[in-house]
Amino acid sequence: MREKILVVEDEIIIAFDIKSCLEKAGYIVPEIAAYGRQAVEKAGEIRPDLILMDVMLKGDMSGIEAAAEIGHLFNIPVIYLTAYSDQTHLQKAKTTQPFGYILKPFEETQLITTIEIALNKHQIEVVMREALEKEKENRAIKNKFVSMVSHEFRNPLNNILTCTELLSNYDLQFNEEKRDEYLSHIQKSVKHLDNLLADVLLMSKDENEKLQFNPTPLDLEKFCQDLLQDIQLSVSENHKIIFTVHGSLANLENNSTVQTSHLIKLDGKMVYHILSNLLANAVKYSPVGGNVRFDVFYVPGEVIFRIQDEGIGIPVADQENLFNSFHRASNVGKIPGNGLGLAIVKYYVDLHGGNISFASKPGIGTTFIVNLPINN
């Protein structure tokens, strides 16, 4: 692609000589400007790759002032054209960090060489600036990650420490029920730490190291019933999970992937994580309780899961970033979480070649829908 160069020169004959020279060398000269303010406007309109700017221009804005504003607004490299070699103008021009100087009258070879050097220099600076910004972004993500993981680990570790201290001082005033309660707290905290560690390790792995998609025949209804038994262990009396199956495998009888009358092929480990995470979130983000509806739909070529709660909902401003790692909605308050769950859910759904979508309204609740193809 040929580079565009804006020529800013108030002597029209010199301006056309420069234009002719540049076009002969293969550059595009879309505009010639004669005034500083006009140069700023044209720079914003056409976004040239480089500007040749006369230091002294007619009007109320000099070339140096115009270059300074263009650099601030658009980050476009500028080469100065000047008939002056005195130190006053050169020192003033240096403050705008130009990419070169060309003294008039100029030679064509000098002009083209200076332009090529300036374009290459600017490209290198752009690449370095992007790399620096990426490094800053990565460092910020890393710091956020360390801070969040440290916080997430600290809570269950504190629970374990407290319970073990109480048990170490165990005496006859503690009945068996109380002892079992402390042991249960420890077991739950250890399980939470184990799940958190697994999530962190998964998200930190290289793509080639992550869990690979491995579909196997699955009795889906029994699978969901077993999953619900696990989930019910951590569900309070204020929550009720309503499980409904719509349709049957008869809907899929023409699909060659149905191995028997009860089995379809899905990756059980991934589906367990997808559904358990969504169901756990539905309960967790419904702090005052309510119904959680868990529906399974059999349709030709795919199975659809719908999980619907009556919880706090997701603010509109957070919905766009919901599946990004470490993102948590602004209304979660002190509800625990690490912002990794939905990112992993999305990753597992994608590995199935499926789709996940949601609808949510703050104060009303959230519905997640997961479509997983069974002809994978």
Protein backbone atom coordinates (compact mmCIF):
# COMPACT_ATOMS: atom_id res chain seq x y z
CA MET A 1 0.00 0.00 0.00
CA ARG A 2 1.35 3.42 -0.99
CA GLU A 3 1.80 5.95 1.79
CA LYS A 4 -0.19 9.19 1.86
CA ILE A 5 1.71 12.41 2.45
CA LEU A 6 0.12 15.76 3.27
CA VAL A 7 2.12 18.73 1.96
CA VAL A 8 1.80 21.96 3.99
CA GLU A 9 3.50 24.80 2.10
CA ASP A 10 2.28 28.35 1.50
CA GLU A 11 4.43 28.92 -1.61
CA ILE A 12 2.29 27.28 -4.26
CA ILE A 13 5.04 26.65 -6.82
CA ILE A 14 7.25 24.90 -4.25
CA ALA A 15 4.23 22.92 -3.05
CA PHE A 16 3.50 21.59 -6.55
CA ASP A 17 7.17 20.78 -7.13
CA ILE A 18 7.14 18.71 -3.93
CA LYS A 19 3.88 17.02 -4.96
CA SER A 20 5.30 16.11 -8.36
CA CYS A 21 8.49 14.75 -6.80
CA LEU A 22 6.58 12.62 -4.29
CA GLU A 23 4.15 11.19 -6.83
CA LYS A 24 7.03 10.29 -9.13
CA ALA A 25 8.56 8.37 -6.20
CA GLY A 26 5.32 6.41 -5.72
CA TYR A 27 3.71 8.32 -2.85
CA ILE A 28 0.15 9.69 -2.78
CA VAL A 29 -0.35 13.41 -2.16
CA PRO A 30 -4.10 13.78 -1.49
CA GLU A 31 -3.98 17.43 -0.39
CA ILE A 32 -1.86 20.59 -0.27
CA ALA A 33 -2.47 22.97 2.64
CA ALA A 34 -1.23 26.55 2.89
CA TYR A 35 -2.23 27.44 6.45
CA GLY A 36 -1.59 25.93 9.87
CA ARG A 37 -5.22 25.51 10.88
CA GLN A 38 -6.04 24.08 7.47
CA ALA A 39 -3.21 21.56 7.98
CA VAL A 40 -4.71 20.42 11.30
CA GLU A 41 -8.15 19.98 9.69
CA LYS A 42 -6.78 18.06 6.70
CA ALA A 43 -4.68 15.84 8.94
CA GLY A 44 -7.84 14.85 10.81
CA GLU A 45 -9.81 14.26 7.61
CA ILE A 46 -7.37 12.22 5.51
CA ARG A 47 -5.09 10.81 8.26
CA PRO A 48 -1.91 10.84 6.16
CA ASP A 49 1.06 8.59 6.95
CA LEU A 50 3.38 11.62 7.07
CA ILE A 51 3.26 15.42 6.82
CA LEU A 52 5.77 17.72 5.15
CA MET A 53 5.36 20.96 7.08
CA ASP A 54 6.80 24.39 6.24
CA VAL A 55 8.01 26.00 9.45
CA MET A 56 6.81 29.50 8.52
CA LEU A 57 3.21 29.68 7.35
CA LYS A 58 0.83 32.56 6.70
CA GLY A 59 -2.01 33.09 9.13
CA ASP A 60 -2.31 32.92 12.91
CA MET A 61 -0.76 29.44 13.33
CA SER A 62 2.82 28.67 12.41
CA GLY A 63 4.00 25.33 11.06
CA ILE A 64 5.58 24.52 14.41
CA GLU A 65 2.31 25.19 16.26
CA ALA A 66 0.35 23.16 13.70
CA ALA A 67 2.80 20.25 14.01
CA ALA A 68 2.50 20.30 17.79
CA GLU A 69 -1.30 20.10 17.64
CA ILE A 70 -1.26 17.37 14.97
CA GLY A 71 1.18 15.32 17.01
CA HIS A 72 -1.01 15.64 20.09
CA LEU A 73 -4.28 14.84 18.31
CA PHE A 74 -3.31 12.28 15.67
CA ASN A 75 0.26 11.06 16.31
CA ILE A 76 1.26 11.63 12.67
CA PRO A 77 4.99 12.02 11.95
CA VAL A 78 6.10 15.45 10.69
CA ILE A 79 9.14 16.50 8.65
CA TYR A 80 9.89 20.22 8.61
CA LEU A 81 10.56 22.18 5.44
CA THR A 82 12.52 25.30 6.21
CA ALA A 83 14.65 27.93 4.55
CA TYR A 84 15.93 28.94 7.96
CA SER A 85 18.91 27.37 9.67
CA ASP A 86 19.19 29.69 12.66
CA GLN A 87 19.19 28.12 16.09
CA THR A 88 16.07 29.94 17.32
CA HIS A 89 13.73 28.19 14.86
CA LEU A 90 15.51 24.85 15.15
CA GLN A 91 15.31 24.86 18.95
CA LYS A 92 11.63 25.72 18.86
CA ALA A 93 10.98 23.04 16.24
CA LYS A 94 12.76 20.39 18.33
CA THR A 95 10.15 20.66 21.07
CA THR A 96 7.60 19.08 18.70
CA GLN A 97 9.85 16.02 18.19
CA PRO A 98 9.92 16.08 14.36
CA PHE A 99 11.04 13.10 12.28
CA GLY A 100 13.46 15.15 10.19
CA TYR A 101 14.35 18.48 8.56
CA ILE A 102 14.69 19.42 4.91
CA LEU A 103 16.30 22.73 4.01
CA LYS A 104 14.97 24.61 0.99
CA PRO A 105 15.94 24.49 -1.79
CA PHE A 106 16.04 20.69 -1.46
CA GLU A 107 17.31 17.89 -3.65
CA GLU A 108 14.92 15.11 -4.67
CA THR A 109 17.22 12.41 -3.30
CA GLN A 110 17.43 14.16 0.05
CA LEU A 111 13.65 14.57 0.20
CA ILE A 112 12.84 10.93 -0.56
CA THR A 113 15.57 9.55 1.72
CA THR A 114 14.41 11.69 4.63
CA ILE A 115 10.81 10.58 4.10
CA GLU A 116 11.75 6.87 3.98
CA ILE A 117 13.78 7.16 7.16
CA ALA A 118 10.94 9.01 8.90
CA LEU A 119 8.30 6.44 7.86
CA ASN A 120 10.46 3.54 9.04
CA LYS A 121 11.24 5.29 12.32
CA HIS A 122 7.57 6.00 12.94
CA GLN A 123 6.59 2.39 12.18
CA ILE A 124 9.17 1.13 14.67
CA GLU A 125 7.85 3.56 17.28
CA VAL A 126 4.27 2.40 16.68
CA VAL A 127 5.27 -1.26 17.11
CA MET A 128 7.25 -0.46 20.27
CA ARG A 129 4.41 1.62 21.68
CA GLU A 130 1.90 -1.18 21.05
CA ALA A 131 4.24 -3.70 22.66
CA LEU A 132 4.65 -1.41 25.68
CA GLU A 133 0.88 -0.98 26.03
CA LYS A 134 0.41 -4.74 25.75
CA GLU A 135 3.05 -5.28 28.41
CA LYS A 136 1.32 -2.76 30.70
CA GLU A 137 -2.01 -4.49 30.08
CA ASN A 138 -0.51 -7.92 30.82
CA ARG A 139 1.12 -6.58 33.98
CA ALA A 140 -2.19 -5.09 35.12
CA ILE A 141 -3.98 -8.38 34.45
CA LYS A 142 -1.26 -10.29 36.30
CA ASN A 143 -1.48 -7.96 39.30
CA LYS A 144 -5.25 -8.24 39.33
CA PHE A 145 -4.97 -12.01 39.02
CA VAL A 146 -2.52 -12.31 41.92
CA SER A 147 -4.61 -10.00 44.10
CA MET A 148 -7.86 -11.82 43.34
CA VAL A 149 -6.43 -15.32 43.75
CA SER A 150 -4.73 -14.33 47.01
CA HIS A 151 -8.05 -13.03 48.31
CA GLU A 152 -9.91 -16.16 47.17
CA PHE A 153 -7.37 -18.46 48.84
CA ARG A 154 -7.28 -16.45 52.06
CA ASN A 155 -10.95 -16.95 52.99
CA PRO A 156 -11.06 -20.77 52.93
CA LEU A 157 -7.61 -20.95 54.52
CA ASN A 158 -8.83 -18.76 57.36
CA ASN A 159 -11.87 -21.04 57.76
CA ILE A 160 -9.64 -24.09 57.91
CA LEU A 161 -7.32 -22.44 60.43
CA THR A 162 -10.20 -21.36 62.67
CA CYS A 163 -11.87 -24.78 62.61
CA THR A 164 -8.64 -26.68 63.26
CA GLU A 165 -7.82 -24.40 66.20
CA LEU A 166 -11.26 -25.05 67.67
CA LEU A 167 -10.91 -28.79 67.14
CA SER A 168 -7.42 -28.81 68.67
CA ASN A 169 -8.94 -27.35 71.82
CA TYR A 170 -11.78 -29.83 71.66
CA ASP A 171 -13.05 -30.97 75.05
CA LEU A 172 -16.18 -32.47 76.51
CA GLN A 173 -18.19 -29.27 76.14
CA PHE A 174 -18.18 -29.86 72.35
CA ASN A 175 -20.73 -32.47 71.31
CA GLU A 176 -20.35 -34.71 68.28
CA GLU A 177 -22.67 -32.55 66.23
CA LYS A 178 -20.47 -29.49 66.75
CA ARG A 179 -17.35 -31.45 65.89
CA ASP A 180 -18.95 -32.72 62.68
CA GLU A 181 -19.94 -29.16 61.80
CA TYR A 182 -16.33 -27.97 62.04
CA LEU A 183 -15.12 -30.94 60.02
CA SER A 184 -17.72 -30.16 57.38
CA HIS A 185 -16.46 -26.55 57.20
CA ILE A 186 -12.93 -27.83 56.67
CA GLN A 187 -14.01 -30.25 53.93
CA LYS A 188 -15.96 -27.55 52.10
CA SER A 189 -13.04 -25.13 52.32
CA VAL A 190 -10.60 -27.73 50.98
CA LYS A 191 -12.97 -28.54 48.12
CA HIS A 192 -13.29 -24.82 47.33
CA LEU A 193 -9.49 -24.46 47.29
CA ASP A 194 -9.17 -27.49 45.04
CA ASN A 195 -11.72 -26.12 42.57
CA LEU A 196 -10.12 -22.68 42.60
CA LEU A 197 -6.68 -24.15 42.00
CA ALA A 198 -8.02 -26.23 39.10
CA ASP A 199 -9.57 -23.11 37.52
CA VAL A 200 -6.39 -21.08 37.94
CA LEU A 201 -4.24 -23.85 36.45
CA LEU A 202 -6.59 -24.27 33.49
CA MET A 203 -6.64 -20.55 32.63
CA SER A 204 -2.86 -20.25 32.98
CA LYS A 205 -2.06 -23.16 30.65
CA ASP A 206 -1.02 -22.83 27.06
CA GLU A 207 -3.81 -23.66 24.59
CA ASN A 208 -2.05 -26.91 23.61
CA GLU A 209 -1.92 -28.03 27.24
CA LYS A 210 -5.56 -27.42 28.10
CA LEU A 211 -8.12 -30.16 28.46
CA GLN A 212 -8.95 -31.72 25.10
CA PHE A 213 -12.49 -32.41 23.92
CA ASN A 214 -13.34 -36.10 24.49
CA PRO A 215 -17.01 -36.98 23.82
CA THR A 216 -18.24 -40.32 25.15
CA PRO A 217 -21.72 -41.93 25.34
CA LEU A 218 -23.66 -40.30 28.17
CA ASP A 219 -26.98 -41.07 29.83
CA LEU A 220 -27.91 -37.42 30.02
CA GLU A 221 -30.97 -37.61 32.28
CA LYS A 222 -29.18 -39.76 34.87
CA PHE A 223 -26.17 -37.48 34.52
CA CYS A 224 -28.31 -34.42 35.33
CA GLN A 225 -29.97 -36.17 38.26
CA ASP A 226 -26.57 -37.09 39.75
CA LEU A 227 -25.38 -33.53 39.20
CA LEU A 228 -28.41 -32.15 41.04
CA GLN A 229 -27.71 -34.41 44.00
CA ASP A 230 -24.23 -32.90 44.25
CA ILE A 231 -25.57 -29.36 43.91
CA GLN A 232 -28.29 -29.89 46.53
CA LEU A 233 -25.62 -30.43 49.20
CA SER A 234 -24.78 -26.73 49.10
CA VAL A 235 -28.28 -25.35 48.48
CA SER A 236 -30.08 -23.62 51.33
CA GLU A 237 -33.69 -24.22 52.29
CA ASN A 238 -34.59 -20.90 50.67
CA HIS A 239 -33.75 -22.22 47.22
CA LYS A 240 -35.66 -24.74 45.15
CA ILE A 241 -34.22 -26.26 41.97
CA ILE A 242 -36.95 -27.37 39.55
CA PHE A 243 -35.65 -29.89 36.98
CA THR A 244 -37.67 -30.59 33.84
CA VAL A 245 -36.90 -32.61 30.70
CA HIS A 246 -38.67 -31.55 27.50
CA GLY A 247 -38.95 -34.12 24.73
CA SER A 248 -36.95 -37.32 24.64
CA LEU A 249 -34.24 -39.13 22.75
CA ALA A 250 -36.98 -40.20 20.33
CA ASN A 251 -36.58 -36.68 18.90
CA LEU A 252 -33.05 -37.67 17.94
CA GLU A 253 -33.67 -41.20 16.68
CA ASN A 254 -32.53 -40.35 13.15
CA ASN A 255 -29.20 -39.02 14.43
CA SER A 256 -26.36 -41.51 13.93
CA THR A 257 -24.54 -40.38 17.08
CA VAL A 258 -27.24 -41.81 19.36
CA GLN A 259 -25.57 -45.06 20.39
CA THR A 260 -28.45 -46.58 22.37
CA SER A 261 -31.91 -45.54 23.46
CA HIS A 262 -30.40 -43.72 26.45
CA LEU A 263 -27.02 -42.40 25.38
CA ILE A 264 -25.75 -39.40 23.45
CA LYS A 265 -22.14 -38.31 22.95
CA LEU A 266 -20.89 -35.39 25.02
CA ASP A 267 -17.78 -34.71 27.08
CA GLY A 268 -19.03 -35.56 30.57
CA LYS A 269 -16.32 -33.67 32.47
CA MET A 270 -16.92 -30.49 30.54
CA VAL A 271 -20.71 -30.72 30.65
CA TYR A 272 -20.54 -31.30 34.42
CA HIS A 273 -18.44 -28.15 34.83
CA ILE A 274 -20.72 -26.11 32.53
CA LEU A 275 -23.94 -27.07 34.31
CA SER A 276 -22.60 -27.14 37.87
CA ASN A 277 -21.10 -23.68 37.44
CA LEU A 278 -24.29 -22.18 36.00
CA LEU A 279 -26.47 -23.84 38.65
CA ALA A 280 -24.13 -22.80 41.47
CA ASN A 281 -24.17 -19.22 40.15
CA ALA A 282 -27.97 -19.27 39.93
CA VAL A 283 -28.11 -20.18 43.62
CA LYS A 284 -25.24 -17.94 44.73
CA TYR A 285 -26.55 -14.83 42.99
CA SER A 286 -30.04 -15.36 44.43
CA PRO A 287 -29.07 -14.46 48.01
CA VAL A 288 -32.65 -14.18 49.25
CA GLY A 289 -33.64 -17.51 47.74
CA GLY A 290 -36.23 -18.38 45.12
CA ASN A 291 -36.74 -20.91 42.37
CA VAL A 292 -34.00 -22.05 40.04
CA ARG A 293 -35.37 -23.69 36.91
CA PHE A 294 -33.17 -26.25 35.17
CA ASP A 295 -34.59 -27.40 31.82
CA VAL A 296 -33.24 -29.86 29.27
CA PHE A 297 -34.61 -29.79 25.72
CA TYR A 298 -34.04 -32.58 23.21
CA VAL A 299 -34.18 -31.22 19.65
CA PRO A 300 -32.86 -32.69 16.38
CA GLY A 301 -29.09 -32.38 16.23
CA GLU A 302 -28.56 -30.82 19.65
CA VAL A 303 -29.45 -30.72 23.30
CA ILE A 304 -30.35 -27.41 24.96
CA PHE A 305 -29.92 -26.54 28.63
CA ARG A 306 -31.71 -23.59 30.21
CA ILE A 307 -30.93 -22.38 33.73
CA GLN A 308 -33.08 -19.57 35.07
CA ASP A 309 -32.92 -17.82 38.43
CA GLU A 310 -34.76 -15.06 40.29
CA GLY A 311 -31.63 -13.37 41.58
CA ILE A 312 -29.88 -10.01 41.45
CA GLY A 313 -29.39 -10.02 37.66
CA ILE A 314 -26.51 -8.58 35.66
CA PRO A 315 -26.18 -4.83 35.02
CA VAL A 316 -26.24 -3.91 31.32
CA ALA A 317 -22.79 -2.31 31.56
CA ASP A 318 -21.27 -5.64 32.69
CA GLN A 319 -22.97 -7.93 30.19
CA GLU A 320 -20.53 -7.34 27.32
CA ASN A 321 -17.56 -8.57 29.42
CA LEU A 322 -19.34 -11.36 31.27
CA PHE A 323 -17.28 -14.19 29.75
CA ASN A 324 -13.92 -12.42 30.14
CA SER A 325 -11.49 -13.84 32.70
CA PHE A 326 -11.55 -12.11 36.11
CA HIS A 327 -14.58 -9.97 35.25
CA ARG A 328 -17.24 -9.74 37.93
CA ALA A 329 -20.46 -7.75 37.76
CA SER A 330 -20.53 -4.45 39.61
CA ASN A 331 -23.52 -5.45 41.78
CA VAL A 332 -22.14 -8.66 43.36
CA GLY A 333 -21.08 -6.89 46.55
CA LYS A 334 -19.55 -9.35 49.03
CA ILE A 335 -20.80 -12.46 47.21
CA PRO A 336 -17.62 -14.56 46.77
CA GLY A 337 -16.20 -15.38 43.35
CA ASN A 338 -13.05 -15.13 41.24
CA GLY A 339 -14.34 -14.18 37.79
CA LEU A 340 -13.03 -17.37 36.17
CA GLY A 341 -16.11 -19.62 36.18
CA LEU A 342 -17.97 -18.23 33.18
CA ALA A 343 -14.75 -17.86 31.16
CA ILE A 344 -14.14 -21.59 31.61
CA VAL A 345 -17.79 -22.40 30.86
CA LYS A 346 -17.51 -20.48 27.58
CA TYR A 347 -14.26 -22.31 26.78
CA TYR A 348 -15.89 -25.73 27.31
CA VAL A 349 -18.99 -24.78 25.31
CA ASP A 350 -16.76 -23.64 22.43
CA LEU A 351 -14.86 -26.94 22.52
CA HIS A 352 -18.19 -28.71 22.00
CA GLY A 353 -18.86 -26.46 19.01
CA GLY A 354 -21.84 -25.13 20.92
CA ASN A 355 -23.20 -21.75 21.91
CA ILE A 356 -23.99 -20.02 25.19
CA SER A 357 -26.26 -16.99 25.50
CA PHE A 358 -28.04 -15.20 28.31
CA ALA A 359 -30.70 -12.66 29.12
CA SER A 360 -30.70 -10.73 32.37
CA LYS A 361 -32.38 -7.85 34.13
CA PRO A 362 -31.15 -6.44 37.46
CA GLY A 363 -33.51 -7.30 40.29
CA ILE A 364 -35.46 -9.77 38.14
CA GLY A 365 -33.01 -12.58 37.40
CA THR A 366 -30.86 -14.23 34.75
CA THR A 367 -31.39 -16.96 32.18
CA PHE A 368 -28.52 -18.87 30.57
CA ILE A 369 -29.07 -21.04 27.50
CA VAL A 370 -26.47 -23.57 26.35
CA ASN A 371 -26.79 -25.30 22.98
CA LEU A 372 -24.57 -28.34 22.50
CA PRO A 373 -24.56 -30.26 19.20
CA ILE A 374 -24.60 -34.05 19.52
CA ASN A 375 -23.28 -34.80 16.03
CA ASN A 376 -19.81 -33.60 17.11
